């Protein structure tokens, strides 16, 4: 198996969130803006909600967010 993904911090999610939100909606079309509301300090709830809506694992959701964030940093 691949390397273990560490839990994400709020700051990792918050930067460039509007762009990342759009990428997540492209990847998983069933997500809406309401699904992707980012509440201060509640990234676990957000990730859990995305998991529930998409059927993906937490690791897959976190990996997608980190992938999009890394692409923005280039």
PDB file of N, CA and C in Angstrom:
ATOM      1  N   UNK A   1       0.828  -1.192   0.000  1.00  0.00           N
ATOM      2  CA  UNK A   1       0.000   0.000   0.000  1.00  0.00           C
ATOM      3  C   UNK A   1       0.862   1.242   0.000  1.00  0.00           C
ATOM      4  N   UNK A   2       0.278   2.386  -0.365  1.00  0.00           N
ATOM      5  CA  UNK A   2       1.008   3.641  -0.420  1.00  0.00           C
ATOM      6  C   UNK A   2       1.263   4.200   0.963  1.00  0.00           C
ATOM      7  N   UNK A   3       1.928   5.334   0.976  1.00  0.00           N
ATOM      8  CA  UNK A   3       2.250   5.999   2.232  1.00  0.00           C
ATOM      9  C   UNK A   3       0.971   6.439   2.939  1.00  0.00           C
ATOM     10  N   UNK A   4       1.023   6.410   4.259  1.00  0.00           N
ATOM     11  CA  UNK A   4      -0.134   6.828   5.052  1.00  0.00           C
ATOM     12  C   UNK A   4      -0.300   8.335   4.944  1.00  0.00           C
ATOM     13  N   UNK A   5      -1.527   8.773   4.709  1.00  0.00           N
ATOM     14  CA  UNK A   5      -1.823  10.197   4.600  1.00  0.00           C
ATOM     15  C   UNK A   5      -2.097  10.735   5.994  1.00  0.00           C
ATOM     16  N   UNK A   6      -1.407  11.825   6.365  1.00  0.00           N
ATOM     17  CA  UNK A   6      -1.646  12.425   7.673  1.00  0.00           C
ATOM     18  C   UNK A   6      -2.887  13.286   7.611  1.00  0.00           C
ATOM     19  N   UNK A   7      -3.546  13.493   8.755  1.00  0.00           N
ATOM     20  CA  UNK A   7      -4.743  14.340   8.764  1.00  0.00           C
ATOM     21  C   UNK A   7      -4.411  15.760   8.322  1.00  0.00           C
ATOM     22  N   UNK A   8      -5.322  16.373   7.602  1.00  0.00           N
ATOM     23  CA  UNK A   8      -5.114  17.730   7.110  1.00  0.00           C
ATOM     24  C   UNK A   8      -5.452  18.740   8.193  1.00  0.00           C
ATOM     25  N   UNK A   9      -4.806  19.898   8.111  1.00  0.00           N
ATOM     26  CA  UNK A   9      -5.118  20.982   9.034  1.00  0.00           C
ATOM     27  C   UNK A   9      -6.068  21.958   8.353  1.00  0.00           C
ATOM     28  N   UNK A  10      -6.706  22.805   9.160  1.00  0.00           N
ATOM     29  CA  UNK A  10      -7.620  23.809   8.617  1.00  0.00           C
ATOM     30  C   UNK A  10      -6.898  24.714   7.633  1.00  0.00           C
ATOM     31  N   UNK A  11      -5.675  25.119   7.952  1.00  0.00           N
ATOM     32  CA  UNK A  11      -4.934  26.017   7.067  1.00  0.00           C
ATOM     33  C   UNK A  11      -4.647  25.369   5.718  1.00  0.00           C
ATOM     34  N   UNK A  12      -4.380  24.074   5.710  1.00  0.00           N
ATOM     35  CA  UNK A  12      -4.135  23.390   4.444  1.00  0.00           C
ATOM     36  C   UNK A  12      -5.380  23.399   3.570  1.00  0.00           C
ATOM     37  N   UNK A  13      -6.526  23.313   4.182  1.00  0.00           N
ATOM     38  CA  UNK A  13      -7.775  23.310   3.418  1.00  0.00           C
ATOM     39  C   UNK A  13      -8.159  24.730   3.008  1.00  0.00           C
ATOM     40  N   UNK A  14      -7.969  25.719   3.881  1.00  0.00           N
ATOM     41  CA  UNK A  14      -8.481  27.066   3.647  1.00  0.00           C
ATOM     42  C   UNK A  14      -7.829  27.795   2.477  1.00  0.00           C
ATOM     43  N   UNK A  15      -6.535  27.670   2.295  1.00  0.00           N
ATOM     44  CA  UNK A  15      -5.878  28.400   1.220  1.00  0.00           C
ATOM     45  C   UNK A  15      -6.443  28.011  -0.136  1.00  0.00           C
ATOM     46  N   UNK A  16      -6.790  28.993  -0.921  1.00  0.00           N
ATOM     47  CA  UNK A  16      -7.308  28.761  -2.279  1.00  0.00           C
ATOM     48  C   UNK A  16      -8.559  27.876  -2.290  1.00  0.00           C
ATOM     49  N   UNK A  17      -9.371  27.952  -1.250  1.00  0.00           N
ATOM     50  CA  UNK A  17     -10.515  27.047  -1.113  1.00  0.00           C
ATOM     51  C   UNK A  17     -11.505  27.150  -2.264  1.00  0.00           C
ATOM     52  N   UNK A  18     -11.760  28.349  -2.773  1.00  0.00           N
ATOM     53  CA  UNK A  18     -12.744  28.475  -3.854  1.00  0.00           C
ATOM     54  C   UNK A  18     -12.320  27.701  -5.093  1.00  0.00           C
ATOM     55  N   UNK A  19     -11.037  27.722  -5.394  1.00  0.00           N
ATOM     56  CA  UNK A  19     -10.539  26.984  -6.560  1.00  0.00           C
ATOM     57  C   UNK A  19     -10.629  25.484  -6.301  1.00  0.00           C
ATOM     58  N   UNK A  20     -10.203  25.069  -5.117  1.00  0.00           N
ATOM     59  CA  UNK A  20     -10.243  23.649  -4.764  1.00  0.00           C
ATOM     60  C   UNK A  20     -11.681  23.135  -4.784  1.00  0.00           C
ATOM     61  N   UNK A  21     -12.618  23.954  -4.296  1.00  0.00           N
ATOM     62  CA  UNK A  21     -14.037  23.589  -4.308  1.00  0.00           C
ATOM     63  C   UNK A  21     -14.498  23.265  -5.730  1.00  0.00           C
ATOM     64  N   UNK A  22     -14.116  24.107  -6.670  1.00  0.00           N
ATOM     65  CA  UNK A  22     -14.501  23.879  -8.059  1.00  0.00           C
ATOM     66  C   UNK A  22     -13.938  22.578  -8.593  1.00  0.00           C
ATOM     67  N   UNK A  23     -12.695  22.276  -8.244  1.00  0.00           N
ATOM     68  CA  UNK A  23     -12.068  21.029  -8.696  1.00  0.00           C
ATOM     69  C   UNK A  23     -12.769  19.810  -8.085  1.00  0.00           C
ATOM     70  N   UNK A  24     -13.142  19.913  -6.805  1.00  0.00           N
ATOM     71  CA  UNK A  24     -13.855  18.799  -6.167  1.00  0.00           C
ATOM     72  C   UNK A  24     -15.202  18.571  -6.834  1.00  0.00           C
ATOM     73  N   UNK A  25     -15.892  19.653  -7.207  1.00  0.00           N
ATOM     74  CA  UNK A  25     -17.194  19.514  -7.876  1.00  0.00           C
ATOM     75  C   UNK A  25     -17.024  18.933  -9.273  1.00  0.00           C
ATOM     76  N   UNK A  26     -15.893  19.211  -9.928  1.00  0.00           N
ATOM     77  CA  UNK A  26     -15.634  18.592 -11.223  1.00  0.00           C
ATOM     78  C   UNK A  26     -15.392  17.094 -11.063  1.00  0.00           C
ATOM     79  N   UNK A  27     -14.661  16.733 -10.028  1.00  0.00           N
ATOM     80  CA  UNK A  27     -14.320  15.325  -9.804  1.00  0.00           C
ATOM     81  C   UNK A  27     -15.536  14.519  -9.355  1.00  0.00           C
ATOM     82  N   UNK A  28     -16.322  15.092  -8.434  1.00  0.00           N
ATOM     83  CA  UNK A  28     -17.511  14.432  -7.908  1.00  0.00           C
ATOM     84  C   UNK A  28     -18.699  15.342  -8.148  1.00  0.00           C
ATOM     85  N   UNK A  29     -19.374  15.140  -9.243  1.00  0.00           N
ATOM     86  CA  UNK A  29     -20.437  16.045  -9.699  1.00  0.00           C
ATOM     87  C   UNK A  29     -21.603  16.153  -8.713  1.00  0.00           C
ATOM     88  N   UNK A  30     -21.785  15.169  -7.852  1.00  0.00           N
ATOM     89  CA  UNK A  30     -22.906  15.226  -6.920  1.00  0.00           C
ATOM     90  C   UNK A  30     -22.691  16.239  -5.792  1.00  0.00           C
ATOM     91  N   UNK A  31     -21.490  16.783  -5.636  1.00  0.00           N
ATOM     92  CA  UNK A  31     -21.234  17.783  -4.594  1.00  0.00           C
ATOM     93  C   UNK A  31     -21.798  19.137  -5.000  1.00  0.00           C
ATOM     94  N   UNK A  32     -22.363  19.842  -4.033  1.00  0.00           N
ATOM     95  CA  UNK A  32     -22.903  21.183  -4.266  1.00  0.00           C
ATOM     96  C   UNK A  32     -22.119  22.189  -3.434  1.00  0.00           C
ATOM     97  N   UNK A  33     -22.375  23.487  -3.669  1.00  0.00           N
ATOM     98  CA  UNK A  33     -21.740  24.520  -2.847  1.00  0.00           C
ATOM     99  C   UNK A  33     -22.084  24.327  -1.378  1.00  0.00           C
ATOM    100  N   UNK A  34     -23.330  23.960  -1.097  1.00  0.00           N
ATOM    101  CA  UNK A  34     -23.732  23.719   0.287  1.00  0.00           C
ATOM    102  C   UNK A  34     -22.929  22.576   0.904  1.00  0.00           C
ATOM    103  N   UNK A  35     -22.659  21.540   0.118  1.00  0.00           N
ATOM    104  CA  UNK A  35     -21.861  20.423   0.617  1.00  0.00           C
ATOM    105  C   UNK A  35     -20.457  20.865   0.992  1.00  0.00           C
ATOM    106  N   UNK A  36     -19.953  21.855   0.297  1.00  0.00           N
ATOM    107  CA  UNK A  36     -18.548  22.239   0.432  1.00  0.00           C
ATOM    108  C   UNK A  36     -18.326  23.499   1.257  1.00  0.00           C
ATOM    109  N   UNK A  37     -19.283  23.854   2.080  1.00  0.00           N
ATOM    110  CA  UNK A  37     -19.086  24.994   2.963  1.00  0.00           C
ATOM    111  C   UNK A  37     -17.986  24.648   3.963  1.00  0.00           C
ATOM    112  N   UNK A  38     -17.016  25.544   4.096  1.00  0.00           N
ATOM    113  CA  UNK A  38     -15.902  25.327   5.010  1.00  0.00           C
ATOM    114  C   UNK A  38     -16.147  26.134   6.275  1.00  0.00           C
ATOM    115  N   UNK A  39     -16.351  25.442   7.360  1.00  0.00           N
ATOM    116  CA  UNK A  39     -16.579  26.092   8.637  1.00  0.00           C
ATOM    117  C   UNK A  39     -15.288  26.086   9.434  1.00  0.00           C
ATOM    118  N   UNK A  40     -14.983  27.205  10.026  1.00  0.00           N
ATOM    119  CA  UNK A  40     -13.768  27.353  10.829  1.00  0.00           C
ATOM    120  C   UNK A  40     -13.640  26.219  11.839  1.00  0.00           C
ATOM    121  N   UNK A  41     -12.511  25.513  11.790  1.00  0.00           N
ATOM    122  CA  UNK A  41     -12.234  24.468  12.764  1.00  0.00           C
ATOM    123  C   UNK A  41     -13.032  23.194  12.591  1.00  0.00           C
ATOM    124  N   UNK A  42     -13.776  23.063  11.515  1.00  0.00           N
ATOM    125  CA  UNK A  42     -14.618  21.875  11.349  1.00  0.00           C
ATOM    126  C   UNK A  42     -14.270  21.103  10.082  1.00  0.00           C
ATOM    127  N   UNK A  43     -12.967  21.026   9.787  1.00  0.00           N
ATOM    128  CA  UNK A  43     -12.565  20.321   8.570  1.00  0.00           C
ATOM    129  C   UNK A  43     -12.912  18.847   8.628  1.00  0.00           C
ATOM    130  N   UNK A  44     -12.924  18.254   9.830  1.00  0.00           N
ATOM    131  CA  UNK A  44     -13.300  16.845   9.937  1.00  0.00           C
ATOM    132  C   UNK A  44     -14.737  16.624   9.495  1.00  0.00           C
ATOM    133  N   UNK A  45     -15.627  17.540   9.884  1.00  0.00           N
ATOM    134  CA  UNK A  45     -17.025  17.431   9.462  1.00  0.00           C
ATOM    135  C   UNK A  45     -17.153  17.598   7.954  1.00  0.00           C
ATOM    136  N   UNK A  46     -16.403  18.545   7.399  1.00  0.00           N
ATOM    137  CA  UNK A  46     -16.424  18.757   5.955  1.00  0.00           C
ATOM    138  C   UNK A  46     -15.951  17.502   5.225  1.00  0.00           C
ATOM    139  N   UNK A  47     -14.817  16.950   5.645  1.00  0.00           N
ATOM    140  CA  UNK A  47     -14.293  15.754   4.993  1.00  0.00           C
ATOM    141  C   UNK A  47     -15.265  14.581   5.137  1.00  0.00           C
ATOM    142  N   UNK A  48     -15.858  14.446   6.303  1.00  0.00           N
ATOM    143  CA  UNK A  48     -16.844  13.385   6.515  1.00  0.00           C
ATOM    144  C   UNK A  48     -18.053  13.557   5.612  1.00  0.00           C
ATOM    145  N   UNK A  49     -18.488  14.804   5.434  1.00  0.00           N
ATOM    146  CA  UNK A  49     -19.644  15.071   4.569  1.00  0.00           C
ATOM    147  C   UNK A  49     -19.316  14.728   3.112  1.00  0.00           C
ATOM    148  N   UNK A  50     -18.130  15.123   2.660  1.00  0.00           N
ATOM    149  CA  UNK A  50     -17.720  14.789   1.281  1.00  0.00           C
ATOM    150  C   UNK A  50     -17.658  13.277   1.123  1.00  0.00           C
ATOM    151  N   UNK A  51     -17.101  12.594   2.119  1.00  0.00           N
ATOM    152  CA  UNK A  51     -17.042  11.130   2.086  1.00  0.00           C
ATOM    153  C   UNK A  51     -18.430  10.526   1.927  1.00  0.00           C
ATOM    154  N   UNK A  52     -19.349  10.998   2.739  1.00  0.00           N
ATOM    155  CA  UNK A  52     -20.710  10.456   2.720  1.00  0.00           C
ATOM    156  C   UNK A  52     -21.374  10.683   1.367  1.00  0.00           C
ATOM    157  N   UNK A  53     -21.204  11.885   0.799  1.00  0.00           N
ATOM    158  CA  UNK A  53     -21.843  12.211  -0.477  1.00  0.00           C
ATOM    159  C   UNK A  53     -21.224  11.467  -1.655  1.00  0.00           C
ATOM    160  N   UNK A  54     -19.909  11.201  -1.585  1.00  0.00           N
ATOM    161  CA  UNK A  54     -19.223  10.610  -2.735  1.00  0.00           C
ATOM    162  C   UNK A  54     -18.981   9.108  -2.600  1.00  0.00           C
ATOM    163  N   UNK A  55     -19.020   8.600  -1.370  1.00  0.00           N
ATOM    164  CA  UNK A  55     -18.694   7.193  -1.158  1.00  0.00           C
ATOM    165  C   UNK A  55     -17.204   6.918  -1.166  1.00  0.00           C
ATOM    166  N   UNK A  56     -16.401   7.957  -1.221  1.00  0.00           N
ATOM    167  CA  UNK A  56     -14.941   7.815  -1.226  1.00  0.00           C
ATOM    168  C   UNK A  56     -14.418   7.691   0.197  1.00  0.00           C
ATOM    169  N   UNK A  57     -13.185   7.207   0.329  1.00  0.00           N
ATOM    170  CA  UNK A  57     -12.551   7.154   1.643  1.00  0.00           C
ATOM    171  C   UNK A  57     -12.063   8.541   2.030  1.00  0.00           C
ATOM    172  N   UNK A  58     -11.857   8.741   3.320  1.00  0.00           N
ATOM    173  CA  UNK A  58     -11.309  10.010   3.807  1.00  0.00           C
ATOM    174  C   UNK A  58      -9.958  10.280   3.139  1.00  0.00           C
ATOM    175  N   UNK A  59      -9.150   9.228   3.023  1.00  0.00           N
ATOM    176  CA  UNK A  59      -7.827   9.373   2.415  1.00  0.00           C
ATOM    177  C   UNK A  59      -7.930   9.846   0.965  1.00  0.00           C
ATOM    178  N   UNK A  60      -8.905   9.329   0.221  1.00  0.00           N
ATOM    179  CA  UNK A  60      -9.084   9.735  -1.169  1.00  0.00           C
ATOM    180  C   UNK A  60      -9.502  11.200  -1.261  1.00  0.00           C
ATOM    181  N   UNK A  61     -10.373  11.629  -0.353  1.00  0.00           N
ATOM    182  CA  UNK A  61     -10.821  13.016  -0.354  1.00  0.00           C
ATOM    183  C   UNK A  61      -9.660  13.939   0.005  1.00  0.00           C
ATOM    184  N   UNK A  62      -8.907  13.582   1.053  1.00  0.00           N
ATOM    185  CA  UNK A  62      -7.765  14.395   1.453  1.00  0.00           C
ATOM    186  C   UNK A  62      -6.717  14.447   0.344  1.00  0.00           C
ATOM    187  N   UNK A  63      -6.473  13.305  -0.296  1.00  0.00           N
ATOM    188  CA  UNK A  63      -5.488  13.253  -1.376  1.00  0.00           C
ATOM    189  C   UNK A  63      -5.907  14.165  -2.530  1.00  0.00           C
ATOM    190  N   UNK A  64      -7.206  14.185  -2.851  1.00  0.00           N
ATOM    191  CA  UNK A  64      -7.692  15.049  -3.928  1.00  0.00           C
ATOM    192  C   UNK A  64      -7.488  16.509  -3.568  1.00  0.00           C
ATOM    193  N   UNK A  65      -7.807  16.885  -2.331  1.00  0.00           N
ATOM    194  CA  UNK A  65      -7.636  18.276  -1.917  1.00  0.00           C
ATOM    195  C   UNK A  65      -6.161  18.656  -1.962  1.00  0.00           C
ATOM    196  N   UNK A  66      -5.283  17.802  -1.441  1.00  0.00           N
ATOM    197  CA  UNK A  66      -3.853  18.101  -1.469  1.00  0.00           C
ATOM    198  C   UNK A  66      -3.314  18.169  -2.894  1.00  0.00           C
ATOM    199  N   UNK A  67      -3.818  17.312  -3.759  1.00  0.00           N
ATOM    200  CA  UNK A  67      -3.409  17.309  -5.177  1.00  0.00           C
ATOM    201  C   UNK A  67      -3.769  18.653  -5.841  1.00  0.00           C
ATOM    202  N   UNK A  68      -4.998  19.109  -5.613  1.00  0.00           N
ATOM    203  CA  UNK A  68      -5.414  20.372  -6.203  1.00  0.00           C
ATOM    204  C   UNK A  68      -4.663  21.546  -5.613  1.00  0.00           C
ATOM    205  N   UNK A  69      -4.397  21.493  -4.306  1.00  0.00           N
ATOM    206  CA  UNK A  69      -3.653  22.558  -3.650  1.00  0.00           C
ATOM    207  C   UNK A  69      -2.223  22.624  -4.183  1.00  0.00           C
ATOM    208  N   UNK A  70      -1.589  21.468  -4.373  1.00  0.00           N
ATOM    209  CA  UNK A  70      -0.227  21.424  -4.893  1.00  0.00           C
ATOM    210  C   UNK A  70      -0.168  21.980  -6.315  1.00  0.00           C
ATOM    211  N   UNK A  71      -1.176  21.669  -7.111  1.00  0.00           N
ATOM    212  CA  UNK A  71      -1.214  22.171  -8.482  1.00  0.00           C
ATOM    213  C   UNK A  71      -1.322  23.693  -8.502  1.00  0.00           C
ATOM    214  N   UNK A  72      -2.013  24.258  -7.533  1.00  0.00           N
ATOM    215  CA  UNK A  72      -2.155  25.721  -7.461  1.00  0.00           C
ATOM    216  C   UNK A  72      -0.850  26.389  -7.061  1.00  0.00           C
ATOM    217  N   UNK A  73      -0.013  25.672  -6.304  1.00  0.00           N
ATOM    218  CA  UNK A  73       1.243  26.245  -5.817  1.00  0.00           C
ATOM    219  C   UNK A  73       2.305  26.317  -6.917  1.00  0.00           C
ATOM    220  N   UNK A  74       2.092  25.639  -8.013  1.00  0.00           N
ATOM    221  CA  UNK A  74       3.103  25.611  -9.085  1.00  0.00           C
ATOM    222  C   UNK A  74       3.067  26.857  -9.919  1.00  0.00           C
TER     223      UNK A  74
END
